[in-house]
Amino acid sequence: MAHADTMVHKANQIALFFATFPHDEAVEGVANHLRMFWAPRMRREIISYVENGGAGLHELADEAVRRLVPVPDAH
């Protein structure tokens, strides 16, 4: 659980940085930060965390993580 707490804390810190931006810009800022600076394993873990409820995650971080979820091909 300590790892999840650390991951949530880090994501929330990013969200708080962007919290003063307009909403859509803030969400995209958090998502871009996660894409650029978090390793693929870390992104998979935070996506899984959100899919399992995302307890304690800042609203902006939650929304940003949902933008990271790959969209399946429509083929």
Protein backbone atom coordinates (compact mmCIF):
# COMPACT_ATOMS: atom_id res chain seq x y z
CA MET A 1 0.00 0.00 0.00
CA ALA A 2 2.92 2.34 0.61
CA HIS A 3 3.76 2.28 -3.10
CA ALA A 4 0.20 3.28 -4.01
CA ASP A 5 0.31 6.08 -1.44
CA THR A 6 3.54 7.39 -2.95
CA MET A 7 2.17 7.15 -6.48
CA VAL A 8 -1.03 9.00 -5.49
CA HIS A 9 0.97 11.67 -3.65
CA LYS A 10 3.17 12.28 -6.71
CA ALA A 11 0.20 12.43 -9.09
CA ASN A 12 -1.60 14.80 -6.72
CA GLN A 13 1.44 17.09 -6.52
CA ILE A 14 1.42 17.35 -10.32
CA ALA A 15 -2.32 18.06 -10.27
CA LEU A 16 -1.88 20.78 -7.65
CA PHE A 17 0.73 22.48 -9.82
CA PHE A 18 -1.75 22.66 -12.70
CA ALA A 19 -4.82 23.43 -10.52
CA THR A 20 -4.73 27.16 -11.28
CA PHE A 21 -4.85 26.59 -15.05
CA PRO A 22 -8.18 26.46 -16.91
CA HIS A 23 -9.70 22.99 -16.38
CA ASP A 24 -9.01 21.42 -19.80
CA GLU A 25 -5.51 22.87 -19.91
CA ALA A 26 -4.84 21.57 -16.39
CA VAL A 27 -6.02 18.05 -17.20
CA GLU A 28 -3.94 17.96 -20.38
CA GLY A 29 -0.95 19.37 -18.48
CA VAL A 30 -1.14 16.56 -15.94
CA ALA A 31 -1.62 13.95 -18.68
CA ASN A 32 1.35 15.31 -20.66
CA HIS A 33 3.53 15.29 -17.56
CA LEU A 34 2.63 11.66 -16.89
CA ARG A 35 3.35 10.75 -20.54
CA MET A 36 6.70 12.52 -20.60
CA PHE A 37 8.14 11.85 -17.17
CA TRP A 38 6.58 8.65 -15.83
CA ALA A 39 7.93 5.31 -17.02
CA PRO A 40 5.47 3.07 -18.89
CA ARG A 41 5.28 0.76 -15.84
CA MET A 42 4.31 3.71 -13.62
CA ARG A 43 1.64 4.81 -16.09
CA ARG A 44 0.21 1.27 -16.22
CA GLU A 45 0.11 1.20 -12.41
CA ILE A 46 -1.70 4.53 -12.07
CA ILE A 47 -4.17 3.53 -14.82
CA SER A 48 -4.89 0.29 -12.96
CA TYR A 49 -5.22 2.24 -9.71
CA VAL A 50 -7.83 4.56 -11.27
CA GLU A 51 -9.68 1.63 -12.85
CA ASN A 52 -9.93 0.14 -9.34
CA GLY A 53 -11.43 3.23 -7.77
CA GLY A 54 -8.56 5.72 -7.58
CA ALA A 55 -9.07 6.51 -3.89
CA GLY A 56 -7.47 9.76 -2.78
CA LEU A 57 -6.51 10.92 -6.26
CA HIS A 58 -7.04 14.61 -7.05
CA GLU A 59 -9.86 15.19 -9.55
CA LEU A 60 -7.45 16.58 -12.17
CA ALA A 61 -5.10 13.61 -11.79
CA ASP A 62 -7.98 11.16 -12.07
CA GLU A 63 -9.25 12.78 -15.25
CA ALA A 64 -5.74 12.99 -16.71
CA VAL A 65 -5.05 9.32 -16.04
CA ARG A 66 -8.29 8.42 -17.83
CA ARG A 67 -6.88 10.21 -20.90
CA LEU A 68 -3.88 7.86 -20.80
CA VAL A 69 -6.01 4.72 -21.21
CA PRO A 70 -5.40 3.32 -24.70
CA VAL A 71 -8.49 3.34 -26.91
CA PRO A 72 -9.04 -0.02 -28.62
CA ASP A 73 -9.11 -0.05 -32.43
CA ALA A 74 -12.58 0.08 -33.91
CA HIS A 75 -11.64 -2.50 -36.60
